[in-house]
N, C-alpha and C. Protein backbone atom coordinates (compact mmCIF):
# COMPACT_ATOMS: atom_id res chain seq x y z
N UNK A 1 -10.13 -12.13 16.78
CA UNK A 1 -8.81 -12.19 16.02
C UNK A 1 -8.22 -13.52 16.00
N UNK A 2 -8.17 -14.30 16.97
CA UNK A 2 -7.69 -15.53 16.94
C UNK A 2 -8.39 -16.49 16.08
N UNK A 3 -9.82 -16.37 15.97
CA UNK A 3 -10.59 -17.30 15.00
C UNK A 3 -10.09 -17.02 13.60
N UNK A 4 -9.95 -15.63 13.01
CA UNK A 4 -9.66 -15.28 11.91
C UNK A 4 -8.34 -15.54 11.55
N UNK A 5 -7.33 -15.46 12.68
CA UNK A 5 -5.91 -15.87 12.35
C UNK A 5 -6.00 -17.36 11.96
N UNK A 6 -6.68 -18.17 12.84
CA UNK A 6 -6.77 -19.55 12.68
C UNK A 6 -7.21 -20.05 11.32
N UNK A 7 -8.32 -19.40 10.91
CA UNK A 7 -9.01 -19.54 9.58
C UNK A 7 -8.09 -19.28 8.62
N UNK A 8 -7.40 -18.30 8.79
CA UNK A 8 -6.40 -17.76 7.49
C UNK A 8 -5.04 -18.48 7.73
N UNK A 9 -4.80 -19.30 8.30
CA UNK A 9 -3.67 -20.19 8.87
C UNK A 9 -2.36 -19.29 9.08
N UNK A 10 -2.79 -18.16 9.65
CA UNK A 10 -1.74 -17.02 10.03
C UNK A 10 -1.22 -16.24 8.97
N UNK A 11 -1.90 -16.33 7.62
CA UNK A 11 -1.57 -15.52 6.66
C UNK A 11 -2.48 -14.42 6.38
N UNK A 12 -1.82 -13.46 5.76
CA UNK A 12 -2.65 -12.12 5.32
C UNK A 12 -3.59 -12.42 4.26
N UNK A 13 -4.79 -11.88 4.44
CA UNK A 13 -5.77 -12.30 3.44
C UNK A 13 -5.62 -11.73 2.11
N UNK A 14 -4.95 -10.82 1.78
CA UNK A 14 -4.75 -10.41 0.47
C UNK A 14 -3.45 -10.87 -0.14
N UNK A 15 -2.30 -10.81 0.38
CA UNK A 15 -1.08 -11.01 -0.10
C UNK A 15 -0.61 -12.49 0.31
N UNK A 16 -1.45 -13.18 1.14
CA UNK A 16 -1.22 -14.70 1.48
C UNK A 16 0.13 -14.80 1.99
N UNK A 17 0.77 -14.08 2.72
CA UNK A 17 2.08 -14.30 3.39
C UNK A 17 1.95 -14.10 4.88
N UNK A 18 2.74 -14.84 5.58
CA UNK A 18 2.96 -14.52 6.95
C UNK A 18 3.33 -13.32 7.39
N UNK A 19 3.06 -12.64 8.74
CA UNK A 19 3.53 -11.50 8.99
C UNK A 19 5.10 -11.58 9.36
N UNK A 20 5.87 -10.79 9.06
CA UNK A 20 7.41 -10.96 9.30
C UNK A 20 8.01 -9.66 10.02
N UNK A 21 7.11 -8.71 10.07
CA UNK A 21 7.72 -7.49 10.84
C UNK A 21 7.38 -7.72 12.34
N UNK A 22 8.62 -7.48 13.03
CA UNK A 22 8.67 -7.55 14.48
C UNK A 22 8.00 -6.47 15.07
N UNK A 23 7.44 -6.68 16.38
CA UNK A 23 6.81 -5.65 17.17
C UNK A 23 7.50 -5.73 18.63
N UNK A 24 7.78 -4.74 19.09
CA UNK A 24 8.47 -4.64 20.39
C UNK A 24 7.29 -4.67 21.43
N UNK A 25 6.13 -4.11 20.89
CA UNK A 25 5.03 -3.93 21.82
C UNK A 25 4.44 -5.39 22.14
N UNK A 26 4.43 -6.11 21.14
CA UNK A 26 3.89 -7.64 21.27
C UNK A 26 4.81 -8.50 21.63
N UNK A 27 6.16 -8.24 21.72
CA UNK A 27 7.28 -9.24 21.89
C UNK A 27 7.42 -10.30 20.74
N UNK A 28 7.17 -9.95 19.65
CA UNK A 28 7.08 -11.01 18.35
C UNK A 28 6.80 -10.31 17.27
N UNK A 29 5.94 -11.03 16.49
CA UNK A 29 5.52 -10.68 15.15
C UNK A 29 4.25 -9.56 15.41
N UNK A 30 4.19 -8.46 14.49
CA UNK A 30 3.44 -7.48 14.51
C UNK A 30 2.02 -8.09 14.32
N UNK A 31 0.91 -7.83 15.07
CA UNK A 31 -0.51 -8.16 14.77
C UNK A 31 -1.06 -7.77 13.56
N UNK A 32 -1.74 -8.58 12.88
CA UNK A 32 -2.47 -8.31 11.64
C UNK A 32 -3.46 -7.22 11.93
N UNK A 33 -3.80 -6.35 10.69
CA UNK A 33 -4.98 -5.47 11.09
C UNK A 33 -6.20 -6.22 10.86
N UNK A 34 -7.26 -6.01 11.48
CA UNK A 34 -8.63 -6.44 11.56
C UNK A 34 -9.24 -5.41 10.64
N UNK A 35 -9.40 -5.86 9.32
CA UNK A 35 -10.07 -5.06 8.26
C UNK A 35 -11.55 -5.22 8.39
N UNK A 36 -12.23 -4.08 8.15
CA UNK A 36 -13.72 -3.81 8.12
C UNK A 36 -14.25 -2.93 7.19
N UNK A 37 -15.64 -3.02 6.85
CA UNK A 37 -16.24 -2.29 5.87
C UNK A 37 -16.56 -0.96 6.64
N UNK A 38 -16.06 0.10 6.09
CA UNK A 38 -16.37 1.27 6.55
C UNK A 38 -17.82 1.89 6.49
N UNK A 39 -18.62 1.19 5.50
CA UNK A 39 -20.10 1.57 5.30
C UNK A 39 -20.91 0.78 6.44
N UNK A 40 -20.48 -0.49 6.66
CA UNK A 40 -21.34 -1.40 7.50
C UNK A 40 -20.65 -1.69 8.94
N UNK A 41 -19.46 -1.61 9.01
CA UNK A 41 -18.69 -1.79 10.14
C UNK A 41 -18.39 -3.34 10.36
N UNK A 42 -18.65 -4.09 9.44
CA UNK A 42 -18.58 -5.49 9.56
C UNK A 42 -17.13 -5.89 9.24
N UNK A 43 -16.70 -6.78 10.27
CA UNK A 43 -15.26 -7.32 10.15
C UNK A 43 -15.25 -8.17 8.92
N UNK A 44 -14.24 -8.08 8.16
CA UNK A 44 -13.91 -8.92 7.03
C UNK A 44 -12.85 -9.98 7.26
N UNK A 45 -11.73 -9.66 7.29
CA UNK A 45 -10.56 -10.58 7.57
C UNK A 45 -9.50 -9.78 8.13
N UNK A 46 -8.05 -10.48 8.41
CA UNK A 46 -7.16 -9.98 8.69
C UNK A 46 -5.99 -9.59 7.59
N UNK A 47 -5.63 -8.38 7.55
CA UNK A 47 -4.49 -8.04 6.62
C UNK A 47 -3.41 -7.39 7.22
N UNK A 48 -2.27 -7.38 6.22
CA UNK A 48 -1.10 -6.63 6.83
C UNK A 48 -1.53 -5.22 6.60
N UNK A 49 -0.63 -4.22 7.39
CA UNK A 49 -0.91 -2.89 7.41
C UNK A 49 -0.80 -2.27 6.05
N UNK A 50 0.11 -2.76 5.37
CA UNK A 50 0.09 -2.24 3.95
C UNK A 50 -1.01 -2.18 3.07
N UNK A 51 -1.53 -3.58 3.01
CA UNK A 51 -2.76 -3.95 2.33
C UNK A 51 -4.05 -3.23 2.78
N UNK A 52 -4.00 -3.21 4.15
CA UNK A 52 -5.12 -2.40 4.68
C UNK A 52 -5.25 -0.93 4.37
N UNK A 53 -3.98 -0.28 4.33
CA UNK A 53 -3.91 1.07 3.93
C UNK A 53 -4.20 1.39 2.55
N UNK A 54 -3.77 0.35 1.75
CA UNK A 54 -3.99 0.46 0.31
C UNK A 54 -5.40 0.54 -0.07
N UNK A 55 -6.14 -0.40 0.52
CA UNK A 55 -7.51 -0.39 0.54
C UNK A 55 -8.29 0.98 0.80
N UNK A 56 -7.78 1.30 1.94
CA UNK A 56 -8.37 2.69 2.24
C UNK A 56 -8.05 3.77 1.44
N UNK A 57 -6.63 3.81 0.73
CA UNK A 57 -6.35 4.76 -0.16
C UNK A 57 -7.24 4.75 -1.20
N UNK A 58 -7.76 3.72 -1.57
CA UNK A 58 -8.43 3.66 -2.77
C UNK A 58 -10.07 3.72 -2.35
N UNK A 59 -10.42 4.23 -1.27
CA UNK A 59 -11.68 4.35 -0.71
C UNK A 59 -12.51 3.25 -0.85
N UNK A 60 -11.93 2.07 -0.79
CA UNK A 60 -12.77 0.69 -1.04
C UNK A 60 -13.52 0.81 -2.20
N UNK A 61 -13.03 1.42 -3.18
CA UNK A 61 -13.72 1.53 -4.45
C UNK A 61 -13.37 0.47 -5.39
N UNK A 62 -14.26 -0.61 -5.80
CA UNK A 62 -13.73 -1.71 -6.68
C UNK A 62 -13.24 -1.31 -7.90
N UNK A 63 -14.02 -0.57 -8.58
CA UNK A 63 -13.63 -0.02 -9.81
C UNK A 63 -12.23 0.92 -9.98
N UNK A 64 -12.00 1.35 -8.91
CA UNK A 64 -10.66 2.05 -9.00
C UNK A 64 -9.71 1.02 -8.88
N UNK A 65 -9.79 -0.02 -7.92
CA UNK A 65 -9.01 -0.97 -7.83
C UNK A 65 -8.74 -1.80 -9.13
N UNK A 66 -9.83 -2.09 -9.92
CA UNK A 66 -9.79 -2.80 -11.11
C UNK A 66 -8.72 -1.81 -12.09
N UNK A 67 -9.11 -0.52 -11.95
CA UNK A 67 -8.44 0.46 -13.15
C UNK A 67 -6.84 0.34 -12.64
N UNK A 68 -6.51 0.20 -11.42
CA UNK A 68 -5.11 0.32 -10.94
C UNK A 68 -4.42 -1.20 -11.61
N UNK A 69 -5.15 -2.27 -11.43
CA UNK A 69 -4.77 -3.43 -11.87
C UNK A 69 -4.68 -3.25 -13.52
N UNK A 70 -5.52 -2.61 -14.05
CA UNK A 70 -5.44 -2.57 -15.64
C UNK A 70 -4.31 -1.68 -15.98
N UNK A 71 -4.04 -0.75 -15.16
CA UNK A 71 -2.98 0.29 -15.33
C UNK A 71 -1.59 -0.46 -15.14
N UNK A 72 -1.49 -1.26 -14.16
CA UNK A 72 -0.24 -2.07 -13.92
C UNK A 72 -0.02 -3.06 -14.81
N UNK A 73 -0.92 -3.80 -15.34
CA UNK A 73 -0.86 -4.72 -16.49
C UNK A 73 -0.37 -4.19 -17.69
N UNK A 74 -0.86 -2.77 -18.18
CA UNK A 74 -0.36 -2.25 -19.32
C UNK A 74 0.88 -1.41 -19.20
N UNK A 75 1.42 -1.42 -18.08
CA UNK A 75 2.82 -0.75 -17.98
C UNK A 75 3.85 -1.70 -17.17
N UNK A 76 3.39 -3.02 -17.40
CA UNK A 76 4.25 -3.93 -16.95
C UNK A 76 5.55 -4.20 -17.84
N UNK A 77 6.73 -4.49 -17.25
CA UNK A 77 7.73 -4.57 -18.06
C UNK A 77 8.30 -6.12 -18.48
N UNK A 78 7.16 -6.75 -18.21
CA UNK A 78 7.50 -8.31 -18.37
C UNK A 78 7.21 -8.67 -20.06
């Protein structure tokens, strides 16, 4: 955990922000989630809970994630 945390400079791997949610359990900021591949078990990086759950909700399917990006781009109000 500490190696990955230092490598990522304390930032979450996907959203590139520091953790801001406090945790009474750890008497400080919530620990980042250690993300891993469900097919290989290999540790990837540290994510916030939100990004980690999002990847899981998409079943780690890259095409579904691309489709979600395409969908958001086409329904953007910018």
